[in-house]
Each structure stands twice: as C-alpha cells, then as structure tokens.
Protein backbone atom coordinates (compact mmCIF):
# COMPACT_ATOMS: atom_id res chain seq x y z
CA MET A 1 16.17 38.01 19.16
CA GLN A 2 13.23 36.12 21.16
CA ALA A 3 12.99 32.77 21.02
CA ILE A 4 9.56 31.42 19.78
CA GLU A 5 7.79 29.07 21.69
CA HIS A 6 6.90 26.34 19.20
CA TYR A 7 4.32 23.61 20.29
CA THR A 8 3.99 20.09 18.28
CA GLU A 9 0.85 18.41 18.84
CA PRO A 10 2.59 14.63 20.13
CA LEU A 11 1.21 12.17 17.81
CA ASP A 12 2.66 9.20 19.64
CA TRP A 13 -0.71 7.64 20.26
CA ILE A 14 -0.93 6.96 16.29
CA THR A 15 2.63 5.09 16.30
CA ILE A 16 1.08 3.11 18.92
CA ILE A 17 -2.19 1.99 16.69
CA PHE A 18 0.11 1.14 13.64
CA LEU A 19 1.81 -1.15 15.98
CA ILE A 20 -1.30 -2.23 17.12
CA CYS A 21 -2.49 -3.02 13.73
CA PHE A 22 0.42 -4.94 12.82
CA ILE A 23 0.50 -7.32 15.96
CA LEU A 24 -3.09 -7.80 15.20
CA ILE A 25 -2.29 -8.72 11.32
CA VAL A 26 0.25 -11.12 12.62
CA LEU A 27 -1.96 -12.50 15.01
CA VAL A 28 -4.06 -13.10 12.30
CA ARG A 29 -1.56 -14.74 10.31
CA ASN A 30 -0.70 -17.25 12.91
CA LEU A 31 -3.86 -18.08 14.28
CA TYR A 32 -5.57 -18.72 10.88
CA PRO A 33 -2.68 -19.28 8.03
CA ASN A 34 -4.80 -21.22 5.36
CA ARG A 35 -7.00 -18.24 5.59
CA PHE A 36 -4.87 -15.69 5.91
CA THR A 37 -2.86 -16.62 2.32
CA GLU A 38 -6.53 -17.47 0.81
CA PHE A 39 -6.94 -13.45 1.81
CA LEU A 40 -3.93 -12.97 0.10
CA SER A 41 -5.03 -14.00 -2.76
CA ILE A 42 -7.37 -11.47 -3.42
CA LEU A 43 -4.88 -9.21 -5.31
CA SER A 44 -4.44 -12.05 -7.93
CA SER A 45 -8.35 -13.14 -7.95
CA ASN A 46 -12.04 -13.23 -6.90
CA LYS A 47 -11.08 -16.65 -5.39
CA PHE A 48 -12.07 -15.87 -1.62
CA MET A 49 -14.65 -14.04 -2.54
CA LEU A 50 -15.97 -16.89 -3.97
CA PHE A 51 -15.11 -19.32 -1.22
CA LYS A 52 -15.64 -17.49 1.87
CA GLY A 53 -18.75 -15.10 0.56
CA LYS A 54 -20.84 -17.97 0.54
CA GLU A 55 -20.55 -18.59 4.44
CA ASN A 56 -22.52 -17.15 6.66
CA ASN A 57 -20.29 -16.52 9.29
CA ALA A 58 -19.53 -13.20 9.75
CA PHE A 59 -18.46 -13.81 13.75
CA HIS A 60 -15.50 -15.48 12.62
CA GLY A 61 -12.35 -14.63 14.65
CA PHE A 62 -10.66 -13.89 11.26
CA ASN A 63 -13.24 -11.60 10.50
CA ILE A 64 -13.45 -9.60 13.86
CA ILE A 65 -9.41 -8.92 13.75
CA LEU A 66 -9.44 -7.66 10.60
CA PHE A 67 -12.06 -6.26 10.61
CA THR A 68 -10.74 -4.04 13.77
CA VAL A 69 -7.34 -3.40 11.95
CA ASN A 70 -9.69 -1.69 9.20
CA ALA A 71 -11.12 0.45 11.77
CA LEU A 72 -8.58 1.58 13.44
CA SER A 73 -6.42 2.44 10.03
CA VAL A 74 -9.94 4.46 8.59
CA SER A 75 -10.34 5.89 11.73
CA VAL A 76 -6.75 7.38 11.37
CA LEU A 77 -7.02 8.08 7.68
CA LEU A 78 -10.13 10.06 8.52
CA PHE A 79 -8.65 12.14 12.21
CA TRP A 80 -5.55 12.75 9.38
CA PHE A 81 -7.99 14.52 6.57
CA TYR A 82 -9.58 16.25 9.89
CA LYS A 83 -6.25 17.25 11.01
CA TYR A 84 -4.45 18.70 8.13
C-alpha cells in the first residue's frame, strides 16, 4: 500500500482571532464595568436600548471595541460558510 499525502489547511489564525475577541471582551469589561453590566441586561429587558439608544455617541470606546469583536466574529462565520 502506498502512503497518500493528506494536506490539511492550517486554521491557527481562526484561533488567534477568537483569542483576540475574548481579550477585547475582557478589556471592555474592565474599562467600562457599569456599561458592560447594563449591556448584559439586554438579555432580560430592553433597558440598555432605552437609556443608551438616546445617546448619540457612536464613537464611544465601548461601542468601537464591541463592534470590532462583532465584525471579527461575523467574518469568521462567513468564512466558514464560504469554505464548507
């Protein structure tokens, strides 16, 4: 029997992206603890959207970091759908 070379594409970069996402979430939690707690309350009520939705501060550090996490996660998800 001959050996068949099996090439698997390394996906270590996906692990690094998820690690970066988790680090950014921890950073947001430590830099903006009150806002992060209010953000997590979205799961049980719409309180965060009522209070923070009236503010017109789209370039707040909290929003920028969570947008980055969201963009990275969606990019990996779209890659998986495209690849498989």
